Amino acid sequence: VFAFAGTRDPVLVDTRRLGAALARLGVAHRVRIYPGELHAFHALVWRRQARQSWRETFDFLAESLPSGSDRLATSR
């Protein structure tokens, strides 16, 4: 699980709670908090931290998914 939020995001507390719960359960996860960002900031791709959130999302997926998973989207 990869979860992120900005420090000005209404779901910041929930994101941190999710990370803590996943840690207690031993679930592989990463929680990233972006200073000063609002909810859905990742949609504002002209902002540096939005682009960073996408890079980290894709990095997490590349690390977490089994090799060959890139074919899943086109297998239908």
N, C-alpha and C. Protein backbone atom coordinates (compact mmCIF):
# COMPACT_ATOMS: atom_id res chain seq x y z
N VAL A 1 0.85 -1.17 0.00
CA VAL A 1 0.00 0.00 0.00
C VAL A 1 0.89 1.23 0.00
N PHE A 2 0.61 2.16 -0.90
CA PHE A 2 1.29 3.45 -0.91
C PHE A 2 0.24 4.51 -0.69
N ALA A 3 0.40 5.29 0.36
CA ALA A 3 -0.55 6.35 0.68
C ALA A 3 0.21 7.65 0.87
N PHE A 4 -0.38 8.73 0.40
CA PHE A 4 0.26 10.02 0.63
C PHE A 4 -0.79 11.09 0.86
N ALA A 5 -0.36 12.15 1.51
CA ALA A 5 -1.24 13.29 1.79
C ALA A 5 -0.37 14.51 1.98
N GLY A 6 -1.00 15.65 1.86
CA GLY A 6 -0.32 16.91 2.17
C GLY A 6 -0.59 17.30 3.61
N THR A 7 0.24 18.16 4.14
CA THR A 7 0.05 18.60 5.53
C THR A 7 -1.18 19.49 5.69
N ARG A 8 -1.74 19.97 4.58
CA ARG A 8 -2.97 20.77 4.62
C ARG A 8 -4.16 19.99 4.07
N ASP A 9 -4.02 18.68 4.00
CA ASP A 9 -5.05 17.79 3.47
C ASP A 9 -5.99 17.37 4.60
N PRO A 10 -7.30 17.43 4.39
CA PRO A 10 -8.23 16.98 5.43
C PRO A 10 -8.07 15.51 5.81
N VAL A 11 -7.48 14.70 4.94
CA VAL A 11 -7.32 13.27 5.25
C VAL A 11 -5.93 12.95 5.82
N LEU A 12 -5.17 13.97 6.20
CA LEU A 12 -3.83 13.74 6.74
C LEU A 12 -3.85 12.82 7.95
N VAL A 13 -4.72 13.09 8.91
CA VAL A 13 -4.79 12.26 10.12
C VAL A 13 -5.15 10.83 9.75
N ASP A 14 -6.11 10.65 8.87
CA ASP A 14 -6.52 9.31 8.45
C ASP A 14 -5.38 8.59 7.73
N THR A 15 -4.62 9.32 6.93
CA THR A 15 -3.49 8.71 6.21
C THR A 15 -2.45 8.21 7.21
N ARG A 16 -2.17 9.01 8.21
CA ARG A 16 -1.22 8.57 9.25
C ARG A 16 -1.76 7.39 10.04
N ARG A 17 -3.05 7.40 10.34
CA ARG A 17 -3.66 6.27 11.06
C ARG A 17 -3.60 5.00 10.21
N LEU A 18 -3.84 5.13 8.92
CA LEU A 18 -3.74 3.98 8.02
C LEU A 18 -2.33 3.41 8.06
N GLY A 19 -1.33 4.26 7.98
CA GLY A 19 0.06 3.80 8.04
C GLY A 19 0.36 3.06 9.33
N ALA A 20 -0.12 3.60 10.44
CA ALA A 20 0.11 2.95 11.74
C ALA A 20 -0.59 1.59 11.81
N ALA A 21 -1.82 1.51 11.30
CA ALA A 21 -2.55 0.25 11.32
C ALA A 21 -1.87 -0.79 10.43
N LEU A 22 -1.41 -0.38 9.26
CA LEU A 22 -0.72 -1.32 8.37
C LEU A 22 0.57 -1.82 9.02
N ALA A 23 1.27 -0.93 9.70
CA ALA A 23 2.50 -1.33 10.39
C ALA A 23 2.20 -2.36 11.48
N ARG A 24 1.14 -2.11 12.25
CA ARG A 24 0.77 -3.06 13.31
C ARG A 24 0.43 -4.43 12.74
N LEU A 25 -0.16 -4.45 11.55
CA LEU A 25 -0.55 -5.71 10.92
C LEU A 25 0.57 -6.35 10.11
N GLY A 26 1.68 -5.66 10.01
CA GLY A 26 2.81 -6.20 9.26
C GLY A 26 2.64 -6.14 7.75
N VAL A 27 1.81 -5.22 7.28
CA VAL A 27 1.56 -5.07 5.85
C VAL A 27 2.62 -4.15 5.24
N ALA A 28 3.18 -4.58 4.14
CA ALA A 28 4.16 -3.73 3.44
C ALA A 28 3.46 -2.47 2.97
N HIS A 29 4.03 -1.34 3.31
CA HIS A 29 3.40 -0.07 2.95
C HIS A 29 4.43 1.05 2.98
N ARG A 30 4.02 2.17 2.42
CA ARG A 30 4.81 3.39 2.49
C ARG A 30 3.83 4.55 2.60
N VAL A 31 4.06 5.43 3.56
CA VAL A 31 3.25 6.63 3.73
C VAL A 31 4.17 7.82 3.53
N ARG A 32 3.74 8.73 2.70
CA ARG A 32 4.55 9.91 2.39
C ARG A 32 3.70 11.16 2.64
N ILE A 33 4.26 12.09 3.41
CA ILE A 33 3.58 13.34 3.72
C ILE A 33 4.31 14.48 3.01
N TYR A 34 3.57 15.29 2.28
CA TYR A 34 4.14 16.39 1.52
C TYR A 34 3.82 17.72 2.21
N PRO A 35 4.85 18.43 2.66
CA PRO A 35 4.64 19.69 3.38
C PRO A 35 3.88 20.73 2.55
N GLY A 36 2.86 21.32 3.18
CA GLY A 36 2.14 22.43 2.58
C GLY A 36 1.11 22.08 1.53
N GLU A 37 0.99 20.81 1.18
CA GLU A 37 0.09 20.45 0.08
C GLU A 37 -1.34 20.19 0.56
N LEU A 38 -2.28 20.48 -0.34
CA LEU A 38 -3.71 20.29 -0.10
C LEU A 38 -4.16 18.92 -0.61
N HIS A 39 -5.44 18.64 -0.43
CA HIS A 39 -6.02 17.40 -0.94
C HIS A 39 -5.95 17.39 -2.47
N ALA A 40 -5.63 16.26 -3.03
CA ALA A 40 -5.59 16.04 -4.49
C ALA A 40 -4.53 16.88 -5.19
N PHE A 41 -3.49 17.29 -4.47
CA PHE A 41 -2.43 18.10 -5.08
C PHE A 41 -1.74 17.38 -6.22
N HIS A 42 -1.78 16.04 -6.20
CA HIS A 42 -1.09 15.28 -7.25
C HIS A 42 -1.68 15.55 -8.64
N ALA A 43 -2.90 16.08 -8.69
CA ALA A 43 -3.50 16.42 -9.98
C ALA A 43 -2.91 17.70 -10.58
N LEU A 44 -2.22 18.47 -9.77
CA LEU A 44 -1.63 19.74 -10.22
C LEU A 44 -0.21 19.48 -10.70
N VAL A 45 -0.11 18.81 -11.83
CA VAL A 45 1.18 18.25 -12.28
C VAL A 45 2.23 19.30 -12.61
N TRP A 46 1.88 20.56 -12.68
CA TRP A 46 2.88 21.60 -12.89
C TRP A 46 3.63 21.93 -11.60
N ARG A 47 3.16 21.38 -10.47
CA ARG A 47 3.83 21.61 -9.18
C ARG A 47 4.87 20.53 -8.94
N ARG A 48 6.00 20.93 -8.40
CA ARG A 48 7.11 20.01 -8.16
C ARG A 48 6.70 18.82 -7.29
N GLN A 49 6.00 19.08 -6.19
CA GLN A 49 5.63 17.98 -5.30
C GLN A 49 4.59 17.05 -5.91
N ALA A 50 3.77 17.56 -6.81
CA ALA A 50 2.82 16.69 -7.52
C ALA A 50 3.59 15.71 -8.39
N ARG A 51 4.55 16.22 -9.14
CA ARG A 51 5.37 15.33 -9.99
C ARG A 51 6.14 14.33 -9.13
N GLN A 52 6.63 14.79 -7.98
CA GLN A 52 7.35 13.89 -7.07
C GLN A 52 6.42 12.78 -6.56
N SER A 53 5.18 13.13 -6.25
CA SER A 53 4.24 12.11 -5.76
C SER A 53 3.99 11.04 -6.82
N TRP A 54 3.92 11.45 -8.09
CA TRP A 54 3.74 10.47 -9.16
C TRP A 54 4.98 9.60 -9.32
N ARG A 55 6.16 10.20 -9.26
CA ARG A 55 7.39 9.40 -9.35
C ARG A 55 7.43 8.36 -8.24
N GLU A 56 7.11 8.78 -7.01
CA GLU A 56 7.13 7.86 -5.88
C GLU A 56 6.05 6.79 -6.01
N THR A 57 4.91 7.14 -6.55
CA THR A 57 3.85 6.15 -6.78
C THR A 57 4.31 5.08 -7.76
N PHE A 58 4.86 5.52 -8.89
CA PHE A 58 5.33 4.56 -9.89
C PHE A 58 6.52 3.75 -9.39
N ASP A 59 7.40 4.37 -8.62
CA ASP A 59 8.52 3.63 -8.02
C ASP A 59 8.00 2.54 -7.09
N PHE A 60 7.02 2.89 -6.26
CA PHE A 60 6.46 1.92 -5.33
C PHE A 60 5.83 0.75 -6.09
N LEU A 61 5.07 1.06 -7.13
CA LEU A 61 4.46 -0.01 -7.92
C LEU A 61 5.51 -0.89 -8.58
N ALA A 62 6.55 -0.29 -9.12
CA ALA A 62 7.62 -1.07 -9.76
C ALA A 62 8.30 -1.99 -8.76
N GLU A 63 8.46 -1.52 -7.53
CA GLU A 63 9.10 -2.33 -6.50
C GLU A 63 8.17 -3.41 -5.96
N SER A 64 6.87 -3.16 -5.97
CA SER A 64 5.91 -4.03 -5.29
C SER A 64 5.26 -5.07 -6.18
N LEU A 65 5.09 -4.76 -7.46
CA LEU A 65 4.41 -5.70 -8.35
C LEU A 65 5.38 -6.74 -8.88
N PRO A 66 4.88 -7.94 -9.13
CA PRO A 66 5.76 -8.96 -9.69
C PRO A 66 6.23 -8.60 -11.10
N SER A 67 7.33 -9.14 -11.47
CA SER A 67 7.88 -8.91 -12.81
C SER A 67 6.86 -9.34 -13.86
N GLY A 68 6.71 -8.54 -14.90
CA GLY A 68 5.75 -8.86 -15.95
C GLY A 68 4.38 -8.28 -15.72
N SER A 69 4.17 -7.58 -14.60
CA SER A 69 2.85 -7.02 -14.30
C SER A 69 2.44 -5.94 -15.27
N ASP A 70 3.38 -5.39 -16.02
CA ASP A 70 3.04 -4.35 -16.98
C ASP A 70 2.11 -4.88 -18.07
N ARG A 71 2.03 -6.18 -18.23
CA ARG A 71 1.15 -6.76 -19.24
C ARG A 71 -0.27 -6.91 -18.75
N LEU A 72 -0.52 -6.74 -17.46
CA LEU A 72 -1.86 -6.95 -16.92
C LEU A 72 -2.89 -6.03 -17.55
N ALA A 73 -2.54 -4.78 -17.77
CA ALA A 73 -3.50 -3.81 -18.30
C ALA A 73 -3.90 -4.13 -19.73
N THR A 74 -3.07 -4.81 -20.48
CA THR A 74 -3.38 -5.09 -21.88
C THR A 74 -3.80 -6.53 -22.12
N SER A 75 -3.99 -7.30 -21.07
CA SER A 75 -4.28 -8.73 -21.24
C SER A 75 -5.75 -9.01 -21.50
N ARG A 76 -6.60 -8.02 -21.45
CA ARG A 76 -8.05 -8.25 -21.65
C ARG A 76 -8.42 -8.26 -23.09
